[in-house]
Amino acid sequence: MDIWVPASLLGLEVALSSDTVLGYSDYFRTFILEVDACYEGLGDVLSQKHDSGLKAIAYACRYVRPSEEAARSLKLELL
């Protein structure tokens, strides 16, 4: 593994979880869940509308498990 990979991943993690990117949840506002899937992985973003626009609250992703590989992409988005 190259020496820059851990530093790059740490920098990306810090940037994505910073106040300018990630907001706090407000339980009085509607949550918006956006999902995407392909045969290699799944991803989603939980966000809310704020005065400044759409603000991400949380991100999640994972690889598709071997038992899920036969599923069609529409069904993968339901996982």
C-alpha atoms as a PDB file:
ATOM      1  CA  MET A   1       0.000   0.000   0.000  1.00  0.00           C
ATOM      2  CA  ASP A   2       1.335   3.434  -0.889  1.00  0.00           C
ATOM      3  CA  ILE A   3       2.123   5.791   1.965  1.00  0.00           C
ATOM      4  CA  TRP A   4      -0.299   8.463   0.680  1.00  0.00           C
ATOM      5  CA  VAL A   5      -3.381   6.190   0.773  1.00  0.00           C
ATOM      6  CA  PRO A   6      -4.008   6.330   4.575  1.00  0.00           C
ATOM      7  CA  ALA A   7      -3.436  10.102   4.605  1.00  0.00           C
ATOM      8  CA  SER A   8      -5.771  10.563   1.621  1.00  0.00           C
ATOM      9  CA  LEU A   9      -8.500   8.468   3.215  1.00  0.00           C
ATOM     10  CA  LEU A  10      -8.185  10.366   6.470  1.00  0.00           C
ATOM     11  CA  GLY A  11      -8.376  13.678   4.593  1.00  0.00           C
ATOM     12  CA  LEU A  12     -11.485  12.522   2.733  1.00  0.00           C
ATOM     13  CA  GLU A  13     -13.130  11.365   5.978  1.00  0.00           C
ATOM     14  CA  VAL A  14     -12.420  14.700   7.664  1.00  0.00           C
ATOM     15  CA  ALA A  15     -13.709  16.659   4.646  1.00  0.00           C
ATOM     16  CA  LEU A  16     -16.933  14.629   4.329  1.00  0.00           C
ATOM     17  CA  SER A  17     -17.746  14.886   8.029  1.00  0.00           C
ATOM     18  CA  SER A  18     -16.977  18.598   8.355  1.00  0.00           C
ATOM     19  CA  ASP A  19     -19.651  21.155   9.229  1.00  0.00           C
ATOM     20  CA  THR A  20     -19.655  22.545   5.712  1.00  0.00           C
ATOM     21  CA  VAL A  21     -20.552  19.146   4.230  1.00  0.00           C
ATOM     22  CA  LEU A  22     -22.407  17.219   6.933  1.00  0.00           C
ATOM     23  CA  GLY A  23     -25.319  18.834   8.789  1.00  0.00           C
ATOM     24  CA  TYR A  24     -27.147  18.023  12.003  1.00  0.00           C
ATOM     25  CA  SER A  25     -30.497  16.265  11.844  1.00  0.00           C
ATOM     26  CA  ASP A  26     -33.588  18.290  12.682  1.00  0.00           C
ATOM     27  CA  TYR A  27     -36.438  15.956  13.606  1.00  0.00           C
ATOM     28  CA  PHE A  28     -38.979  18.652  12.738  1.00  0.00           C
ATOM     29  CA  ARG A  29     -37.892  18.573   9.086  1.00  0.00           C
ATOM     30  CA  THR A  30     -38.543  15.877   6.494  1.00  0.00           C
ATOM     31  CA  PHE A  31     -35.717  13.409   5.850  1.00  0.00           C
ATOM     32  CA  ILE A  32     -34.769  12.625   2.239  1.00  0.00           C
ATOM     33  CA  LEU A  33     -33.147   9.267   1.454  1.00  0.00           C
ATOM     34  CA  GLU A  34     -31.344   8.892  -1.873  1.00  0.00           C
ATOM     35  CA  VAL A  35     -30.062   5.440  -2.834  1.00  0.00           C
ATOM     36  CA  ASP A  36     -27.985   4.036  -5.658  1.00  0.00           C
ATOM     37  CA  ALA A  37     -26.862   0.516  -6.438  1.00  0.00           C
ATOM     38  CA  CYS A  38     -24.838  -1.397  -8.962  1.00  0.00           C
ATOM     39  CA  TYR A  39     -23.632  -4.975  -9.066  1.00  0.00           C
ATOM     40  CA  GLU A  40     -20.524  -4.067  -7.045  1.00  0.00           C
ATOM     41  CA  GLY A  41     -21.886  -1.881  -4.265  1.00  0.00           C
ATOM     42  CA  LEU A  42     -24.658   0.077  -2.586  1.00  0.00           C
ATOM     43  CA  GLY A  43     -24.679   3.674  -1.429  1.00  0.00           C
ATOM     44  CA  ASP A  44     -27.049   6.167   0.132  1.00  0.00           C
ATOM     45  CA  VAL A  45     -27.254   9.713   1.419  1.00  0.00           C
ATOM     46  CA  LEU A  46     -29.665  10.872   4.131  1.00  0.00           C
ATOM     47  CA  SER A  47     -30.341  14.602   3.840  1.00  0.00           C
ATOM     48  CA  GLN A  48     -32.710  17.413   4.796  1.00  0.00           C
ATOM     49  CA  LYS A  49     -33.732  20.745   3.266  1.00  0.00           C
ATOM     50  CA  HIS A  50     -32.409  23.728   5.175  1.00  0.00           C
ATOM     51  CA  ASP A  51     -32.471  27.450   4.422  1.00  0.00           C
ATOM     52  CA  SER A  52     -29.111  27.109   2.681  1.00  0.00           C
ATOM     53  CA  GLY A  53     -30.384  24.200   0.535  1.00  0.00           C
ATOM     54  CA  LEU A  54     -30.157  20.427   0.736  1.00  0.00           C
ATOM     55  CA  LYS A  55     -27.773  19.338   3.521  1.00  0.00           C
ATOM     56  CA  ALA A  56     -26.377  15.801   3.891  1.00  0.00           C
ATOM     57  CA  ILE A  57     -26.912  14.285   7.345  1.00  0.00           C
ATOM     58  CA  ALA A  58     -25.267  10.870   6.803  1.00  0.00           C
ATOM     59  CA  TYR A  59     -23.587   8.743   4.135  1.00  0.00           C
ATOM     60  CA  ALA A  60     -23.415   4.960   3.909  1.00  0.00           C
ATOM     61  CA  CYS A  61     -21.997   2.436   1.446  1.00  0.00           C
ATOM     62  CA  ARG A  62     -21.001  -1.194   1.250  1.00  0.00           C
ATOM     63  CA  TYR A  63     -20.078  -3.917  -1.202  1.00  0.00           C
ATOM     64  CA  VAL A  64     -22.751  -6.261  -2.536  1.00  0.00           C
ATOM     65  CA  ARG A  65     -22.613  -9.589  -0.706  1.00  0.00           C
ATOM     66  CA  PRO A  66     -22.181 -12.793  -2.731  1.00  0.00           C
ATOM     67  CA  SER A  67     -25.728 -13.867  -1.820  1.00  0.00           C
ATOM     68  CA  GLU A  68     -27.071 -10.595  -3.279  1.00  0.00           C
ATOM     69  CA  GLU A  69     -25.140 -10.634  -6.574  1.00  0.00           C
ATOM     70  CA  ALA A  70     -27.970 -12.268  -8.530  1.00  0.00           C
ATOM     71  CA  ALA A  71     -30.437  -9.492  -7.653  1.00  0.00           C
ATOM     72  CA  ARG A  72     -31.455  -6.992 -10.309  1.00  0.00           C
ATOM     73  CA  SER A  73     -30.267  -3.397  -9.809  1.00  0.00           C
ATOM     74  CA  LEU A  74     -33.771  -2.179  -8.834  1.00  0.00           C
ATOM     75  CA  LYS A  75     -33.945  -4.799  -6.092  1.00  0.00           C
ATOM     76  CA  LEU A  76     -30.407  -3.938  -4.970  1.00  0.00           C
ATOM     77  CA  GLU A  77     -31.548  -0.379  -4.261  1.00  0.00           C
ATOM     78  CA  LEU A  78     -34.119  -1.811  -1.825  1.00  0.00           C
ATOM     79  CA  LEU A  79     -31.401  -3.520   0.227  1.00  0.00           C
END
